[in-house]
Amino acid sequence: MDAAELIIAVGNEKGWFTSTAEATDRASAWKQGLLKRLRTVLSDLREIDHPVRFDFNSSNPEMIQGDCYPNTADSLELVRCKEARSHADRYRDEVRLLTATDFEAICRGILSLIGCQNPMLTPASGDQGIDVFGEFAMRGRLDRTYLLGGPDSMMNFWIMGQAKHYTGEIGPDQIREFIGAQDLARRGIGYDNGEALAALNAKPYQAVHLFFLTTGKITRGAWILAKRTGMIVFDEERISALLADHEVATDSNVFFPEGLREWVRANS
């Protein structure tokens, strides 16, 4: 859709214009400003590798299209990825219906999807601010497979995650709290004698990645703080996109809500 056409369509829906002539004039005047704003939004989202909802047509930079719209230059693999990602909104809608306990199960499932071996959920009480964790084995994952043993077998790292099933805003305070929680966890400091995190055996200088997973709205300050600390934040968009990419509940390009619920139960 041309940017001017988009302005007219949205404006008519919102009641911005009183006539066709006014809509056309306004669209012509606002078009370049809209394109500039959209380019900035797209650049900001891609800088943090965040899923996007739109893109510019490769042949006409003033034409706006959905991010999963297949272009003629796309490889078959990319087209297939776009088909899978196109169901992201369906996953998001289902995630919003789940309970806090179900959401923690989704977080455990996400660690499994990316290749974490046997991720674990902590008890509902006494979790010390860590809801899910697991070790990621690197053996056989480097450019070369060392059949007789090599550095890959010594490069394992841990993932520690916090799940926030939340409808409000997530600000910098929650990011700082998670940083403090993981620091205490790594030092083995807790009020339950370490029982909840007994299986978390991260060595003092072993790499640990922090996953902050939430259904809440991430504020700009929280995004900035997370990026500067190296924390990986999963909001609804990232969670939904990842589930869609892995086709957790999609078969033959058809989404099955019950399939997602079964997957959640399996990770509970």
Protein backbone atom coordinates (compact mmCIF):
# COMPACT_ATOMS: atom_id res chain seq x y z
CA MET A 1 0.00 0.00 0.00
CA ASP A 2 1.26 3.47 -0.85
CA ALA A 3 1.98 5.64 2.20
CA ALA A 4 -0.61 8.20 1.10
CA GLU A 5 -3.22 5.47 0.72
CA LEU A 6 -2.39 4.26 4.22
CA ILE A 7 -2.91 7.74 5.66
CA ILE A 8 -6.27 8.04 3.93
CA ALA A 9 -7.39 4.59 5.08
CA VAL A 10 -6.44 5.22 8.71
CA GLY A 11 -7.75 8.77 8.64
CA ASN A 12 -11.12 7.70 7.32
CA GLU A 13 -11.38 5.00 9.97
CA LYS A 14 -10.50 7.50 12.72
CA GLY A 15 -12.71 10.27 11.37
CA TRP A 16 -9.88 12.71 10.72
CA PHE A 17 -11.24 14.04 7.41
CA THR A 18 -14.49 15.68 6.40
CA SER A 19 -14.16 15.10 2.67
CA THR A 20 -12.29 13.15 0.03
CA ALA A 21 -10.50 16.30 -1.07
CA GLU A 22 -9.29 17.00 2.47
CA ALA A 23 -8.10 13.41 2.86
CA THR A 24 -6.11 13.62 -0.38
CA ASP A 25 -4.53 16.96 0.57
CA ARG A 26 -3.63 15.82 4.06
CA ALA A 27 -2.17 12.56 2.80
CA SER A 28 0.02 14.41 0.33
CA ALA A 29 1.26 16.78 3.05
CA TRP A 30 1.87 14.06 5.67
CA LYS A 31 3.30 11.36 3.43
CA GLN A 32 7.02 12.17 3.72
CA GLY A 33 6.75 12.71 7.47
CA LEU A 34 5.11 9.31 7.86
CA LEU A 35 7.77 7.59 5.75
CA LYS A 36 10.54 9.23 7.79
CA ARG A 37 8.92 8.15 11.04
CA LEU A 38 8.39 4.59 9.84
CA ARG A 39 12.00 4.30 8.70
CA THR A 40 13.15 5.41 12.15
CA VAL A 41 10.87 2.91 13.90
CA LEU A 42 12.03 0.11 11.61
CA SER A 43 15.69 0.98 12.19
CA ASP A 44 15.23 1.11 15.98
CA LEU A 45 13.50 -2.27 16.08
CA ARG A 46 16.07 -3.96 13.87
CA GLU A 47 18.89 -2.54 15.95
CA ILE A 48 17.69 -4.64 18.89
CA ASP A 49 16.68 -7.54 16.61
CA HIS A 50 13.03 -7.08 17.53
CA PRO A 51 10.21 -8.51 15.38
CA VAL A 52 8.62 -5.95 13.09
CA ARG A 53 5.12 -5.70 11.68
CA PHE A 54 5.87 -3.90 8.43
CA ASP A 55 8.53 -3.34 5.82
CA PHE A 56 9.11 -1.28 2.70
CA ASN A 57 8.66 -2.80 -0.72
CA SER A 58 12.03 -3.65 -2.25
CA SER A 59 11.01 -2.10 -5.59
CA ASN A 60 9.26 1.01 -4.28
CA PRO A 61 10.43 2.56 -0.97
CA GLU A 62 7.16 4.47 -0.64
CA MET A 63 5.10 1.27 -0.62
CA ILE A 64 4.45 -0.27 2.81
CA GLN A 65 3.74 -3.96 3.25
CA GLY A 66 3.52 -6.56 5.98
CA ASP A 67 6.85 -7.94 7.18
CA CYS A 68 5.84 -11.45 6.10
CA TYR A 69 4.82 -10.46 2.59
CA PRO A 70 6.87 -12.58 0.13
CA ASN A 71 9.00 -10.67 -2.35
CA THR A 72 9.98 -12.02 -5.75
CA ALA A 73 13.66 -11.97 -4.75
CA ASP A 74 13.07 -14.07 -1.59
CA SER A 75 14.64 -17.51 -1.43
CA LEU A 76 12.38 -20.49 -0.85
CA GLU A 77 13.79 -20.77 2.66
CA LEU A 78 12.92 -17.14 3.44
CA VAL A 79 9.42 -17.57 2.03
CA ARG A 80 8.94 -20.59 4.28
CA CYS A 81 10.16 -18.59 7.29
CA LYS A 82 7.74 -15.79 6.48
CA GLU A 83 4.88 -18.27 6.24
CA ALA A 84 5.69 -19.56 9.70
CA ARG A 85 6.15 -16.07 11.18
CA SER A 86 2.82 -14.93 9.73
CA HIS A 87 1.04 -16.82 12.54
CA ALA A 88 2.77 -14.82 15.30
CA ASP A 89 -0.36 -12.83 16.17
CA ARG A 90 -2.31 -16.06 16.71
CA TYR A 91 0.35 -17.23 19.17
CA ARG A 92 0.29 -13.87 20.93
CA ASP A 93 -3.48 -13.99 21.37
CA GLU A 94 -3.25 -17.46 22.91
CA VAL A 95 -0.36 -16.48 25.20
CA ARG A 96 -2.50 -13.66 26.59
CA LEU A 97 -5.11 -16.19 27.70
CA LEU A 98 -2.69 -18.27 29.76
CA THR A 99 -2.15 -18.17 33.50
CA ALA A 100 1.07 -17.12 35.23
CA THR A 101 1.92 -20.79 35.78
CA ASP A 102 1.34 -21.52 32.10
CA PHE A 103 3.56 -18.60 31.16
CA GLU A 104 6.42 -20.03 33.19
CA ALA A 105 5.95 -23.29 31.27
CA ILE A 106 6.23 -21.33 28.02
CA CYS A 107 9.50 -19.84 29.27
CA ARG A 108 10.84 -23.31 30.01
CA GLY A 109 9.75 -24.41 26.56
CA ILE A 110 11.55 -21.47 24.97
CA LEU A 111 14.83 -22.56 26.54
CA SER A 112 14.26 -26.01 25.06
CA LEU A 113 13.47 -24.59 21.64
CA ILE A 114 16.78 -22.75 21.41
CA GLY A 115 18.69 -25.89 22.44
CA CYS A 116 19.07 -25.72 26.21
CA GLN A 117 19.48 -29.18 27.73
CA ASN A 118 16.86 -30.10 30.35
CA PRO A 119 15.80 -26.60 31.48
CA MET A 120 14.26 -26.51 34.94
CA LEU A 121 11.47 -24.51 36.53
CA THR A 122 12.03 -23.40 40.11
CA PRO A 123 9.37 -23.94 42.80
CA ALA A 124 6.52 -21.44 42.90
CA SER A 125 7.78 -20.14 46.23
CA GLY A 126 11.37 -19.52 47.20
CA ASP A 127 12.63 -19.17 43.63
CA GLN A 128 14.98 -16.34 44.65
CA GLY A 129 13.88 -14.34 41.58
CA ILE A 130 14.95 -17.03 39.11
CA ASP A 131 12.01 -18.84 37.49
CA VAL A 132 13.79 -21.03 34.94
CA PHE A 133 17.36 -22.05 34.24
CA GLY A 134 19.38 -24.56 32.32
CA GLU A 135 22.78 -25.37 30.87
CA PHE A 136 23.48 -24.99 27.17
CA ALA A 137 25.99 -27.58 25.90
CA MET A 138 28.26 -26.35 23.10
CA ARG A 139 29.69 -29.71 22.04
CA GLY A 140 29.32 -30.07 18.28
CA ARG A 141 27.96 -26.53 17.88
CA LEU A 142 31.07 -24.75 16.62
CA ASP A 143 32.04 -24.48 12.95
CA ARG A 144 34.03 -27.66 13.35
CA THR A 145 33.07 -30.84 15.19
CA TYR A 146 35.93 -32.17 17.29
CA LEU A 147 35.36 -35.92 17.26
CA LEU A 148 38.35 -36.54 19.54
CA GLY A 149 37.48 -33.75 21.93
CA GLY A 150 38.06 -30.02 21.65
CA PRO A 151 37.24 -26.55 23.01
CA ASP A 152 33.52 -26.90 22.31
CA SER A 153 33.10 -29.36 25.18
CA MET A 154 34.58 -26.78 27.58
CA MET A 155 32.46 -23.82 26.45
CA ASN A 156 29.09 -24.64 28.02
CA PHE A 157 27.09 -21.70 29.34
CA TRP A 158 24.00 -21.25 31.51
CA ILE A 159 20.74 -19.44 30.95
CA MET A 160 18.90 -17.92 33.89
CA GLY A 161 15.42 -16.58 33.26
CA GLN A 162 12.78 -14.57 35.04
CA ALA A 163 9.14 -14.84 33.94
CA LYS A 164 6.89 -11.82 34.47
CA HIS A 165 3.25 -12.55 33.63
CA TYR A 166 2.25 -8.94 33.78
CA THR A 167 -0.21 -6.53 32.16
CA GLY A 168 1.45 -3.26 33.15
CA GLU A 169 4.72 -1.61 32.24
CA ILE A 170 8.12 -3.16 32.83
CA GLY A 171 10.58 -0.43 33.77
CA PRO A 172 14.29 -0.26 34.61
CA ASP A 173 13.60 -1.21 38.24
CA GLN A 174 12.51 -4.73 37.26
CA ILE A 175 15.62 -5.13 35.11
CA ARG A 176 17.84 -4.06 38.00
CA GLU A 177 16.03 -6.43 40.36
CA PHE A 178 16.67 -9.37 38.05
CA ILE A 179 20.35 -8.44 37.80
CA GLY A 180 20.57 -8.46 41.59
CA ALA A 181 18.69 -11.77 41.82
CA GLN A 182 21.02 -13.54 39.38
CA ASP A 183 24.08 -12.14 41.15
CA LEU A 184 22.91 -13.56 44.48
CA ALA A 185 21.98 -16.85 42.80
CA ARG A 186 25.44 -17.22 41.27
CA ARG A 187 26.98 -16.61 44.68
CA GLY A 188 24.68 -19.19 46.27
CA ILE A 189 23.12 -16.63 48.58
CA GLY A 190 19.45 -17.19 49.43
CA TYR A 191 17.04 -17.65 52.30
CA ASP A 192 16.25 -21.31 51.56
CA ASN A 193 19.77 -22.73 51.92
CA GLY A 194 19.99 -22.93 48.14
CA GLU A 195 17.29 -25.59 47.74
CA ALA A 196 15.35 -23.90 44.89
CA LEU A 197 18.49 -23.45 42.80
CA ALA A 198 20.39 -26.55 43.90
CA ALA A 199 20.77 -27.73 40.28
CA LEU A 200 22.19 -24.40 39.13
CA ASN A 201 25.88 -25.27 39.06
CA ALA A 202 27.31 -22.35 37.11
CA LYS A 203 31.03 -22.09 37.77
CA PRO A 204 32.45 -18.76 38.99
CA TYR A 205 33.73 -17.67 35.57
CA GLN A 206 31.34 -19.60 33.35
CA ALA A 207 29.24 -17.53 30.93
CA VAL A 208 25.63 -16.89 31.94
CA HIS A 209 22.97 -15.33 29.71
CA LEU A 210 20.04 -13.59 31.35
CA PHE A 211 16.57 -13.99 29.81
CA PHE A 212 13.85 -11.62 30.99
CA LEU A 213 10.52 -12.91 29.64
CA THR A 214 7.32 -10.97 30.08
CA THR A 215 3.82 -10.25 28.81
CA GLY A 216 4.16 -6.66 30.03
CA LYS A 217 5.01 -3.56 28.03
CA ILE A 218 8.72 -2.80 28.09
CA THR A 219 9.47 0.89 28.60
CA ARG A 220 12.18 2.63 26.63
CA GLY A 221 14.31 2.93 29.77
CA ALA A 222 14.07 -0.81 30.39
CA TRP A 223 15.07 -1.59 26.78
CA ILE A 224 18.08 0.71 27.05
CA LEU A 225 19.21 -0.76 30.37
CA ALA A 226 18.77 -4.33 29.15
CA LYS A 227 20.76 -3.62 25.99
CA ARG A 228 23.62 -2.00 27.94
CA THR A 229 23.82 -4.90 30.37
CA GLY A 230 23.58 -7.60 27.71
CA MET A 231 20.32 -8.98 29.09
CA ILE A 232 18.04 -10.64 26.51
CA VAL A 233 14.46 -9.42 26.82
CA PHE A 234 11.51 -11.35 25.43
CA ASP A 235 8.31 -9.34 25.26
CA GLU A 236 5.05 -10.62 23.75
CA GLU A 237 6.22 -9.91 20.23
CA ARG A 238 9.49 -11.79 20.61
CA ILE A 239 7.87 -14.72 22.39
CA SER A 240 5.12 -15.03 19.79
CA ALA A 241 7.56 -14.73 16.90
CA LEU A 242 9.83 -17.43 18.34
CA LEU A 243 6.92 -19.84 18.88
CA ALA A 244 5.75 -19.18 15.33
CA ASP A 245 9.25 -19.62 13.90
CA HIS A 246 9.47 -23.05 15.52
CA GLU A 247 5.91 -23.90 14.41
CA VAL A 248 5.09 -25.12 17.91
CA ALA A 249 1.37 -25.39 17.10
CA THR A 250 1.36 -25.08 13.31
CA ASP A 251 0.95 -27.91 10.85
CA SER A 252 0.82 -27.48 7.07
CA ASN A 253 0.67 -23.72 7.66
CA VAL A 254 -2.47 -24.06 9.83
CA PHE A 255 -2.38 -22.87 13.45
CA PHE A 256 -3.95 -25.14 16.12
CA PRO A 257 -4.57 -23.43 19.49
CA GLU A 258 -4.93 -26.78 21.26
CA GLY A 259 -1.50 -27.72 19.97
CA LEU A 260 -0.03 -24.78 21.85
CA ARG A 261 -1.88 -25.73 25.02
CA GLU A 262 -0.55 -29.29 24.77
CA TRP A 263 2.97 -27.94 24.33
CA VAL A 264 2.51 -25.76 27.41
CA ARG A 265 1.34 -28.73 29.46
CA ALA A 266 4.33 -30.74 28.29
CA ASN A 267 6.67 -28.05 29.61
CA SER A 268 4.90 -27.58 32.95
